[in-house]
Each structure stands twice: as structure tokens, then as C-alpha cells.
């Protein structure tokens, strides 16, 4: 078995702009309840899937990126990094075509 080399995150925010918060699972929701993270739960409840994107139930506006994404000193940062959803914790830089670090391997 070949080890996958570590690819550093560029902190470009691309994966977060895919609104991964929408993929929070039941374990994430339960953890946020236990942690008293009503701020996260409110944002999660505000999102409604409308066919090809999420919409804010409160404003009716399209949600295009994670509401916990912030931009500081030229880099994107996660404002809930320590308790981010499983889908975010398990995302590996370069593992998806949405990531600028994605490398296609030629197969013959």
C-alpha cells in the first residue's frame, strides 16, 4: 500500500465555498447541541436546499459559501475550526477536483 503524500492546504477557501456546512451530519448536530453552539445550529437551520443551491430561510437570498468562512490577512480561515463538521475534518487537500491542489494522475 502506497502512502499518500501530505499536500498542504493553501487556505484558498475553495472547498468552503462549496458550502460544506450543508453536509453536517447527525453527529455534528448532536455535538453542537452538547457544546451549546446555538450560533452554529441557527445558521444550519437557516439553510434550505432549493434544487441546485442553498437559500437562507430568513432572507430568501442564495447561500454560496460556508457562513463560517472568514478572510483574514490574505487567507481564508474557518471560524469554527475546532468543531467544524465531519465532512470538513475529513477533507484532504488535493483529494477533490474542486481543490486547486488536485493532481490528475495519468493512467495508461
C-alpha atoms as a PDB file:
ATOM      1  CA  UNK A   1       0.000   0.000   0.000  1.00  0.00           C
ATOM      2  CA  UNK A   2       1.410   3.379  -1.005  1.00  0.00           C
ATOM      3  CA  UNK A   3       1.168   6.276   1.413  1.00  0.00           C
ATOM      4  CA  UNK A   4      -0.417   9.399   0.004  1.00  0.00           C
ATOM      5  CA  UNK A   5       1.961  12.337   0.379  1.00  0.00           C
ATOM      6  CA  UNK A   6       0.808  15.211   2.581  1.00  0.00           C
ATOM      7  CA  UNK A   7      -0.424  18.091   0.458  1.00  0.00           C
ATOM      8  CA  UNK A   8      -0.615  21.377   2.367  1.00  0.00           C
ATOM      9  CA  UNK A   9      -3.813  23.379   2.390  1.00  0.00           C
ATOM     10  CA  UNK A  10      -3.454  26.693   0.552  1.00  0.00           C
ATOM     11  CA  UNK A  11      -6.266  28.231   2.635  1.00  0.00           C
ATOM     12  CA  UNK A  12      -7.817  29.465  -0.601  1.00  0.00           C
ATOM     13  CA  UNK A  13     -11.353  28.785   0.671  1.00  0.00           C
ATOM     14  CA  UNK A  14     -12.480  26.915  -2.445  1.00  0.00           C
ATOM     15  CA  UNK A  15     -13.740  23.857  -0.565  1.00  0.00           C
ATOM     16  CA  UNK A  16     -15.540  26.107   1.931  1.00  0.00           C
ATOM     17  CA  UNK A  17     -17.194  27.971  -0.911  1.00  0.00           C
ATOM     18  CA  UNK A  18     -18.781  24.638  -1.810  1.00  0.00           C
ATOM     19  CA  UNK A  19     -20.792  25.182   1.412  1.00  0.00           C
ATOM     20  CA  UNK A  20     -19.733  22.001   3.164  1.00  0.00           C
ATOM     21  CA  UNK A  21     -21.615  23.125   6.289  1.00  0.00           C
ATOM     22  CA  UNK A  22     -24.718  21.891   4.483  1.00  0.00           C
ATOM     23  CA  UNK A  23     -23.310  18.373   4.731  1.00  0.00           C
ATOM     24  CA  UNK A  24     -23.234  18.377   8.534  1.00  0.00           C
ATOM     25  CA  UNK A  25     -24.424  15.010   9.794  1.00  0.00           C
ATOM     26  CA  UNK A  26     -26.435  13.928  12.855  1.00  0.00           C
ATOM     27  CA  UNK A  27     -23.241  13.503  14.924  1.00  0.00           C
ATOM     28  CA  UNK A  28     -22.184  17.074  14.115  1.00  0.00           C
ATOM     29  CA  UNK A  29     -25.603  18.405  15.114  1.00  0.00           C
ATOM     30  CA  UNK A  30     -25.539  16.447  18.383  1.00  0.00           C
ATOM     31  CA  UNK A  31     -22.015  17.635  19.182  1.00  0.00           C
ATOM     32  CA  UNK A  32     -23.022  21.260  18.603  1.00  0.00           C
ATOM     33  CA  UNK A  33     -26.044  20.781  20.880  1.00  0.00           C
ATOM     34  CA  UNK A  34     -23.785  19.348  23.624  1.00  0.00           C
ATOM     35  CA  UNK A  35     -21.312  22.204  23.143  1.00  0.00           C
ATOM     36  CA  UNK A  36     -24.119  24.774  23.347  1.00  0.00           C
ATOM     37  CA  UNK A  37     -23.247  26.069  19.878  1.00  0.00           C
ATOM     38  CA  UNK A  38     -26.602  27.670  19.130  1.00  0.00           C
ATOM     39  CA  UNK A  39     -24.774  30.047  16.777  1.00  0.00           C
ATOM     40  CA  UNK A  40     -23.890  27.131  14.503  1.00  0.00           C
ATOM     41  CA  UNK A  41     -27.268  25.413  14.858  1.00  0.00           C
ATOM     42  CA  UNK A  42     -29.108  28.635  13.958  1.00  0.00           C
ATOM     43  CA  UNK A  43     -27.080  29.003  10.759  1.00  0.00           C
ATOM     44  CA  UNK A  44     -27.626  25.350   9.909  1.00  0.00           C
ATOM     45  CA  UNK A  45     -31.411  25.617  10.408  1.00  0.00           C
ATOM     46  CA  UNK A  46     -31.478  28.751   8.259  1.00  0.00           C
ATOM     47  CA  UNK A  47     -30.279  26.855   5.156  1.00  0.00           C
ATOM     48  CA  UNK A  48     -32.835  25.318   2.809  1.00  0.00           C
ATOM     49  CA  UNK A  49     -31.977  23.280  -0.326  1.00  0.00           C
ATOM     50  CA  UNK A  50     -33.798  24.674  -3.372  1.00  0.00           C
ATOM     51  CA  UNK A  51     -32.739  22.370  -6.184  1.00  0.00           C
ATOM     52  CA  UNK A  52     -29.205  23.475  -7.074  1.00  0.00           C
ATOM     53  CA  UNK A  53     -28.169  25.707  -4.173  1.00  0.00           C
ATOM     54  CA  UNK A  54     -28.971  26.625  -0.603  1.00  0.00           C
ATOM     55  CA  UNK A  55     -31.138  29.559   0.305  1.00  0.00           C
ATOM     56  CA  UNK A  56     -31.481  31.449   3.562  1.00  0.00           C
ATOM     57  CA  UNK A  57     -34.935  30.854   5.001  1.00  0.00           C
ATOM     58  CA  UNK A  58     -34.638  34.161   6.879  1.00  0.00           C
ATOM     59  CA  UNK A  59     -33.672  36.373   3.914  1.00  0.00           C
ATOM     60  CA  UNK A  60     -34.537  34.376   0.780  1.00  0.00           C
ATOM     61  CA  UNK A  61     -31.025  35.037  -0.523  1.00  0.00           C
ATOM     62  CA  UNK A  62     -28.807  32.344  -2.032  1.00  0.00           C
ATOM     63  CA  UNK A  63     -26.093  30.937   0.212  1.00  0.00           C
ATOM     64  CA  UNK A  64     -22.975  30.355  -1.862  1.00  0.00           C
ATOM     65  CA  UNK A  65     -20.326  29.573   0.722  1.00  0.00           C
ATOM     66  CA  UNK A  66     -19.978  28.397   4.285  1.00  0.00           C
ATOM     67  CA  UNK A  67     -21.241  31.047   6.698  1.00  0.00           C
ATOM     68  CA  UNK A  68     -18.260  30.282   8.960  1.00  0.00           C
ATOM     69  CA  UNK A  69     -15.676  31.189   6.321  1.00  0.00           C
ATOM     70  CA  UNK A  70     -13.695  34.335   7.082  1.00  0.00           C
ATOM     71  CA  UNK A  71     -10.929  36.169   5.240  1.00  0.00           C
ATOM     72  CA  UNK A  72      -8.010  37.454   7.305  1.00  0.00           C
ATOM     73  CA  UNK A  73      -4.608  38.722   6.218  1.00  0.00           C
ATOM     74  CA  UNK A  74      -4.927  37.343   2.702  1.00  0.00           C
ATOM     75  CA  UNK A  75      -6.027  33.848   3.736  1.00  0.00           C
ATOM     76  CA  UNK A  76      -9.359  32.174   4.358  1.00  0.00           C
ATOM     77  CA  UNK A  77      -9.967  30.811   7.824  1.00  0.00           C
ATOM     78  CA  UNK A  78     -12.661  28.730   9.488  1.00  0.00           C
ATOM     79  CA  UNK A  79     -14.281  30.489  12.430  1.00  0.00           C
ATOM     80  CA  UNK A  80     -15.473  27.141  13.869  1.00  0.00           C
ATOM     81  CA  UNK A  81     -12.343  25.144  13.025  1.00  0.00           C
ATOM     82  CA  UNK A  82     -12.135  23.289  16.359  1.00  0.00           C
ATOM     83  CA  UNK A  83     -15.716  21.977  15.997  1.00  0.00           C
ATOM     84  CA  UNK A  84     -16.150  22.015  12.213  1.00  0.00           C
ATOM     85  CA  UNK A  85     -18.378  19.338  10.608  1.00  0.00           C
ATOM     86  CA  UNK A  86     -17.021  15.845   9.940  1.00  0.00           C
ATOM     87  CA  UNK A  87     -17.078  16.450   6.183  1.00  0.00           C
ATOM     88  CA  UNK A  88     -14.655  19.339   6.699  1.00  0.00           C
ATOM     89  CA  UNK A  89     -12.444  17.460   9.185  1.00  0.00           C
ATOM     90  CA  UNK A  90     -12.105  14.564   6.751  1.00  0.00           C
ATOM     91  CA  UNK A  91     -11.458  16.663   3.644  1.00  0.00           C
ATOM     92  CA  UNK A  92      -7.892  16.165   2.437  1.00  0.00           C
ATOM     93  CA  UNK A  93      -6.283  18.910   0.347  1.00  0.00           C
ATOM     94  CA  UNK A  94      -5.864  17.717  -3.212  1.00  0.00           C
ATOM     95  CA  UNK A  95      -8.429  14.921  -2.874  1.00  0.00           C
ATOM     96  CA  UNK A  96     -11.143  16.590  -4.927  1.00  0.00           C
ATOM     97  CA  UNK A  97     -11.288  18.349  -8.260  1.00  0.00           C
ATOM     98  CA  UNK A  98     -12.621  21.445  -6.511  1.00  0.00           C
ATOM     99  CA  UNK A  99      -9.259  21.820  -4.757  1.00  0.00           C
ATOM    100  CA  UNK A 100      -6.509  23.722  -6.603  1.00  0.00           C
ATOM    101  CA  UNK A 101      -4.098  21.134  -5.174  1.00  0.00           C
ATOM    102  CA  UNK A 102      -5.827  18.327  -7.086  1.00  0.00           C
ATOM    103  CA  UNK A 103      -3.392  16.443  -9.254  1.00  0.00           C
ATOM    104  CA  UNK A 104      -4.595  14.228 -12.049  1.00  0.00           C
ATOM    105  CA  UNK A 105      -2.608  11.027 -12.411  1.00  0.00           C
ATOM    106  CA  UNK A 106      -2.190   9.705 -15.896  1.00  0.00           C
ATOM    107  CA  UNK A 107      -3.284   6.147 -16.281  1.00  0.00           C
ATOM    108  CA  UNK A 108      -2.061   4.105 -19.197  1.00  0.00           C
END
